[in-house]
Amino acid sequence: MNTKSIRKIVKIDEDRCNGCGLCIPNCAEGAIRIINGKARLIGENLCDGLGACLGHCPMDAITVEERPAEEFDELAVLQHLTAKNHAPEPHAVEPRAVEPHQCENAHGKSSVGMGGCPGSMARMLKRPAASTIPENAHGTPSVGLGGSARPSQLGQWPVQLTLVPVQGPMWQDADVLIAADCVPFAYPEFHERLLAGKSLAIACPKLDDVEPYVQKLAAIFAGNTIRSVTVAHMEVPCCSGIVRVVHQALSESGRTDIEVHDVTIGIDGTIKRGD
């Protein structure tokens, strides 16, 4: 018998739900299905309570509440996602198109450009070949606007650790970059020197609740063929917490074969330490 405890969990208001399905691709754990025209939470143990699906409901039908619920179970999520990738789920349907008038929230305000568009849907991006990066007269990558701009090295979307899926092509035979979210702003060669060829997840170890990040990363490490992890963080002491998160997640995942690199970026934009 499953025990219950007071914790945060998603609540779906079926009276408001219009069955659009925009919440489904934004639930990394696959805990929501459309059943009989309404979004339903199919298992309490599959919902982490973080509410990544909240901002993608045009009807404001999804909230997070605190109530007695089964504990979130990462192993159950992995089993559920594995089964989902290999067999169709009963009663599940693809998200249907939303008519323009349905892209309004419960207050009658347009949610286009905010939560009404599935902007967190996982997708792979085409990376430019290294030889296509334009260089200036000095032989260094060009910086500018228009045709002279350096191309992005981002290979997937989304990138925020809360939103990235637990499983997917971005994690298969992958070199992964876990970056504190100030790093890309401070380090001018972030794309070319750190991101190129890697799958990315960003987080803030100071302002975010990092315990869910440990659980999320442990599930990612355990369920995918990841080759290496590079952890990039700022030199300020609070930012090194992201390193502890990664090592704790590796320990909980049971993976001892993943190579880990630690890169420290100075607030002056230089690499202070890298292994």
Protein backbone atom coordinates (compact mmCIF):
# COMPACT_ATOMS: atom_id res chain seq x y z
CA MET A 1 0.00 0.00 0.00
CA ASN A 2 1.41 3.37 -1.00
CA THR A 3 1.82 5.85 1.82
CA LYS A 4 0.90 9.48 1.38
CA SER A 5 2.42 12.67 2.74
CA ILE A 6 1.61 16.36 2.47
CA ARG A 7 3.42 17.71 -0.58
CA LYS A 8 2.98 19.92 -3.63
CA ILE A 9 1.20 18.31 -6.58
CA VAL A 10 -0.54 19.44 -9.75
CA LYS A 11 -4.31 20.03 -9.67
CA ILE A 12 -6.35 20.18 -12.89
CA ASP A 13 -9.67 22.01 -12.96
CA GLU A 14 -11.70 19.94 -15.42
CA ASP A 15 -14.39 22.63 -15.68
CA ARG A 16 -11.81 25.04 -17.13
CA CYS A 17 -9.84 22.50 -19.17
CA ASN A 18 -10.68 22.57 -22.89
CA GLY A 19 -8.63 19.50 -23.77
CA CYS A 20 -6.12 21.38 -25.95
CA GLY A 21 -3.25 19.19 -24.76
CA LEU A 22 -0.65 21.97 -24.60
CA CYS A 23 0.31 20.83 -21.11
CA ILE A 24 1.32 17.34 -22.27
CA PRO A 25 4.63 18.07 -24.07
CA ASN A 26 5.65 20.32 -21.16
CA CYS A 27 5.34 17.57 -18.54
CA ALA A 28 8.75 15.90 -18.68
CA GLU A 29 7.51 13.01 -16.55
CA GLY A 30 4.56 12.16 -18.82
CA ALA A 31 2.15 12.44 -15.88
CA ILE A 32 -0.71 14.05 -17.85
CA ARG A 33 -2.97 12.55 -20.53
CA ILE A 34 -6.07 13.69 -22.35
CA ILE A 35 -8.84 11.30 -21.33
CA ASN A 36 -12.39 11.82 -22.52
CA GLY A 37 -11.53 15.31 -23.72
CA LYS A 38 -9.95 16.50 -20.44
CA ALA A 39 -6.40 16.64 -19.11
CA ARG A 40 -5.98 14.14 -16.28
CA LEU A 41 -3.15 13.41 -13.85
CA ILE A 42 -2.61 9.69 -14.41
CA GLY A 43 -0.47 9.01 -11.34
CA GLU A 44 0.40 10.99 -8.23
CA ASN A 45 3.81 9.30 -8.06
CA LEU A 46 4.62 10.58 -11.58
CA CYS A 47 4.09 14.27 -10.69
CA ASP A 48 7.05 16.11 -9.13
CA GLY A 49 4.88 19.10 -8.18
CA LEU A 50 7.22 21.64 -9.81
CA GLY A 51 4.47 22.81 -12.15
CA ALA A 52 6.44 23.09 -15.41
CA CYS A 53 3.10 22.61 -17.19
CA LEU A 54 1.38 25.58 -15.51
CA GLY A 55 2.41 28.34 -17.87
CA HIS A 56 1.33 26.38 -20.93
CA CYS A 57 -2.39 26.12 -20.15
CA PRO A 58 -4.35 28.81 -22.04
CA MET A 59 -7.33 28.30 -19.72
CA ASP A 60 -5.46 28.61 -16.39
CA ALA A 61 -6.84 25.18 -15.53
CA ILE A 62 -3.65 23.90 -13.85
CA THR A 63 -2.42 24.91 -10.43
CA VAL A 64 -0.16 23.44 -7.76
CA GLU A 65 -1.67 22.61 -4.39
CA GLU A 66 -0.45 21.03 -1.16
CA ARG A 67 -2.37 17.93 -0.12
CA PRO A 68 -1.84 14.30 0.90
CA ALA A 69 -0.35 12.53 -2.12
CA GLU A 70 1.86 9.60 -3.01
CA GLU A 71 5.57 10.41 -2.98
CA PHE A 72 7.17 11.35 -6.29
CA ASP A 73 8.93 8.24 -7.65
CA GLU A 74 11.80 8.79 -10.13
CA LEU A 75 12.06 5.05 -10.84
CA ALA A 76 8.36 4.90 -11.68
CA VAL A 77 8.84 7.88 -14.01
CA LEU A 78 11.70 6.14 -15.82
CA GLN A 79 9.67 2.95 -16.21
CA HIS A 80 6.65 4.95 -17.39
CA LEU A 81 8.66 6.92 -19.97
CA THR A 82 10.40 3.78 -21.22
CA ALA A 83 7.05 2.04 -21.71
CA LYS A 84 5.63 5.17 -23.34
CA ASN A 85 8.49 5.25 -25.87
CA HIS A 86 7.87 1.65 -26.91
CA ALA A 87 4.10 1.26 -26.91
CA PRO A 88 1.02 3.45 -27.37
CA GLU A 89 -0.76 4.35 -24.14
CA PRO A 90 -4.47 3.54 -23.89
CA HIS A 91 -6.82 6.52 -24.08
CA ALA A 92 -3.93 8.85 -24.92
CA VAL A 93 -4.34 11.32 -27.77
CA GLU A 94 -2.09 13.80 -29.44
CA PRO A 95 -2.55 17.47 -28.47
CA ARG A 96 -5.08 18.96 -30.85
CA ALA A 97 -4.82 22.32 -32.55
CA VAL A 98 -6.19 25.24 -30.58
CA GLU A 99 -8.47 27.66 -32.38
CA PRO A 100 -7.51 31.35 -32.02
CA HIS A 101 -10.38 32.07 -29.65
CA GLN A 102 -9.20 29.28 -27.37
CA CYS A 103 -5.84 30.95 -26.83
CA GLU A 104 -7.32 33.02 -24.05
CA ASN A 105 -6.92 32.37 -20.38
CA ALA A 106 -9.68 32.21 -17.81
CA HIS A 107 -9.63 36.00 -17.53
CA GLY A 108 -10.29 36.50 -21.23
CA LYS A 109 -6.78 37.77 -21.95
CA SER A 110 -4.79 36.46 -24.88
CA SER A 111 -2.07 34.03 -23.85
CA VAL A 112 -0.37 33.92 -27.23
CA GLY A 113 3.36 34.48 -26.71
CA MET A 114 3.01 33.52 -23.05
CA GLY A 115 1.56 30.23 -21.87
CA GLY A 116 -0.64 29.46 -24.86
CA CYS A 117 2.21 28.34 -27.10
CA PRO A 118 4.06 25.08 -26.35
CA GLY A 119 7.40 26.88 -26.19
CA SER A 120 8.94 24.27 -23.90
CA MET A 121 8.32 21.35 -26.26
CA ALA A 122 11.53 19.34 -26.59
CA ARG A 123 13.19 19.70 -29.96
CA MET A 124 16.59 19.17 -31.53
CA LEU A 125 18.31 22.04 -33.36
CA LYS A 126 20.75 21.95 -36.26
CA ARG A 127 24.24 22.93 -35.16
CA PRO A 128 26.52 24.75 -37.62
CA ALA A 129 29.66 22.97 -38.74
CA ALA A 130 32.81 24.41 -37.21
CA SER A 131 34.05 25.48 -40.63
CA THR A 132 30.95 27.61 -41.22
CA ILE A 133 31.68 29.97 -38.32
CA PRO A 134 32.71 33.24 -40.01
CA GLU A 135 36.06 34.72 -39.05
CA ASN A 136 37.28 38.29 -39.28
CA ALA A 137 40.57 39.56 -40.66
CA HIS A 138 42.36 38.50 -37.46
CA GLY A 139 41.28 34.86 -37.81
CA THR A 140 38.93 34.94 -34.84
CA PRO A 141 35.14 34.30 -34.92
CA SER A 142 33.27 37.38 -36.12
CA VAL A 143 30.96 39.25 -33.78
CA GLY A 144 28.25 41.43 -35.19
CA LEU A 145 24.78 41.60 -36.63
CA GLY A 146 23.30 40.16 -39.79
CA GLY A 147 25.48 37.88 -41.90
CA SER A 148 28.60 38.36 -39.77
CA ALA A 149 27.06 37.16 -36.50
CA ARG A 150 28.50 34.06 -34.91
CA PRO A 151 26.06 31.13 -35.18
CA SER A 152 24.57 29.57 -32.09
CA GLN A 153 26.00 26.24 -30.93
CA LEU A 154 22.78 25.32 -29.11
CA GLY A 155 21.72 21.83 -30.16
CA GLN A 156 18.41 21.41 -28.32
CA TRP A 157 15.51 23.17 -26.63
CA PRO A 158 14.53 23.74 -23.82
CA VAL A 159 17.65 24.32 -21.72
CA GLN A 160 16.40 25.14 -18.20
CA LEU A 161 16.94 22.10 -15.97
CA THR A 162 13.36 22.15 -14.70
CA LEU A 163 12.04 21.94 -18.26
CA VAL A 164 14.40 19.53 -20.02
CA PRO A 165 12.99 16.02 -20.52
CA VAL A 166 14.36 13.11 -18.50
CA GLN A 167 14.91 11.09 -21.66
CA GLY A 168 15.43 12.05 -25.28
CA PRO A 169 17.90 12.18 -28.17
CA MET A 170 19.81 15.06 -26.58
CA TRP A 171 21.07 12.68 -23.87
CA GLN A 172 22.05 9.73 -26.07
CA ASP A 173 25.84 9.23 -26.41
CA ALA A 174 26.05 12.85 -25.29
CA ASP A 175 28.60 15.14 -23.75
CA VAL A 176 26.56 17.32 -21.39
CA LEU A 177 27.15 20.87 -20.18
CA ILE A 178 25.55 21.81 -16.85
CA ALA A 179 25.97 25.58 -16.55
CA ALA A 180 25.08 28.04 -13.83
CA ASP A 181 22.84 30.55 -15.57
CA CYS A 182 25.22 33.52 -15.14
CA VAL A 183 28.02 31.77 -17.03
CA PRO A 184 26.83 32.54 -20.61
CA PHE A 185 26.61 36.25 -19.73
CA ALA A 186 30.07 36.42 -18.17
CA TYR A 187 32.07 34.21 -20.54
CA PRO A 188 32.26 35.73 -24.04
CA GLU A 189 33.31 32.48 -25.74
CA PHE A 190 30.59 30.38 -24.13
CA HIS A 191 29.21 29.00 -27.40
CA GLU A 192 32.50 28.14 -29.07
CA ARG A 193 34.55 26.97 -26.07
CA LEU A 194 31.99 25.41 -23.74
CA LEU A 195 28.70 24.65 -25.54
CA ALA A 196 29.84 23.39 -28.96
CA GLY A 197 29.03 19.69 -29.35
CA LYS A 198 27.27 19.39 -25.99
CA SER A 199 23.72 19.10 -24.71
CA LEU A 200 22.89 21.90 -22.27
CA ALA A 201 21.03 22.34 -18.99
CA ILE A 202 21.17 25.56 -16.97
CA ALA A 203 20.26 26.28 -13.35
CA CYS A 204 20.97 28.70 -10.51
CA PRO A 205 22.38 26.98 -7.41
CA LYS A 206 21.81 30.06 -5.24
CA LEU A 207 18.23 31.11 -6.04
CA ASP A 208 16.66 27.77 -7.05
CA ASP A 209 15.59 24.86 -4.87
CA VAL A 210 18.34 22.42 -5.86
CA GLU A 211 16.93 19.21 -4.37
CA PRO A 212 14.60 18.63 -7.35
CA TYR A 213 17.62 19.24 -9.59
CA VAL A 214 19.51 16.40 -7.88
CA GLN A 215 16.57 14.06 -8.52
CA LYS A 216 16.15 15.23 -12.12
CA LEU A 217 19.83 14.86 -12.97
CA ALA A 218 20.03 11.46 -11.27
CA ALA A 219 17.18 10.25 -13.50
CA ILE A 220 18.88 11.72 -16.59
CA PHE A 221 22.23 10.11 -15.73
CA ALA A 222 20.67 6.75 -14.90
CA GLY A 223 18.39 6.49 -17.91
CA ASN A 224 20.60 7.64 -20.78
CA THR A 225 23.95 6.90 -22.45
CA ILE A 226 25.78 10.02 -21.32
CA ARG A 227 29.55 10.06 -21.91
CA SER A 228 30.73 13.11 -19.98
CA VAL A 229 29.50 16.06 -17.95
CA THR A 230 31.12 19.50 -17.86
CA VAL A 231 30.04 21.71 -14.96
CA ALA A 232 30.54 25.43 -15.60
CA HIS A 233 30.02 27.90 -12.74
CA MET A 234 31.08 31.33 -11.60
CA GLU A 235 33.97 31.91 -9.18
CA VAL A 236 31.69 33.28 -6.44
CA PRO A 237 31.30 30.73 -3.60
CA CYS A 238 27.52 30.27 -3.82
CA CYS A 239 27.79 29.22 -7.47
CA SER A 240 29.91 26.16 -6.69
CA GLY A 241 26.75 24.54 -5.37
CA ILE A 242 26.03 23.36 -8.90
CA VAL A 243 29.11 21.13 -8.68
CA ARG A 244 27.78 19.49 -5.52
CA VAL A 245 24.40 18.97 -7.21
CA VAL A 246 26.01 17.13 -10.12
CA HIS A 247 28.19 14.91 -7.92
CA GLN A 248 25.26 14.05 -5.66
CA ALA A 249 23.12 13.22 -8.68
CA LEU A 250 25.86 11.00 -10.09
CA SER A 251 26.11 9.20 -6.76
CA GLU A 252 22.34 8.61 -6.61
CA SER A 253 22.24 7.45 -10.23
CA GLY A 254 24.81 4.73 -9.59
CA ARG A 255 26.85 5.83 -12.61
CA THR A 256 30.60 5.71 -12.04
CA ASP A 257 31.63 5.74 -15.70
CA ILE A 258 30.69 9.33 -16.55
CA GLU A 259 33.68 11.63 -16.92
CA VAL A 260 33.24 14.95 -15.05
CA HIS A 261 34.98 18.25 -15.82
CA ASP A 262 34.81 21.35 -13.60
CA VAL A 263 35.19 24.80 -15.19
CA THR A 264 35.27 28.01 -13.12
CA ILE A 265 34.51 31.33 -14.83
CA GLY A 266 35.70 34.59 -13.30
CA ILE A 267 33.46 37.62 -13.05
CA ASP A 268 35.96 39.27 -15.42
CA GLY A 269 34.97 36.76 -18.10
CA THR A 270 38.05 34.57 -18.04
CA ILE A 271 38.46 30.90 -17.21
CA LYS A 272 39.95 30.71 -13.71
CA ARG A 273 40.14 26.95 -13.56
CA GLY A 274 39.31 24.09 -15.89
CA ASP A 275 40.05 20.37 -15.89
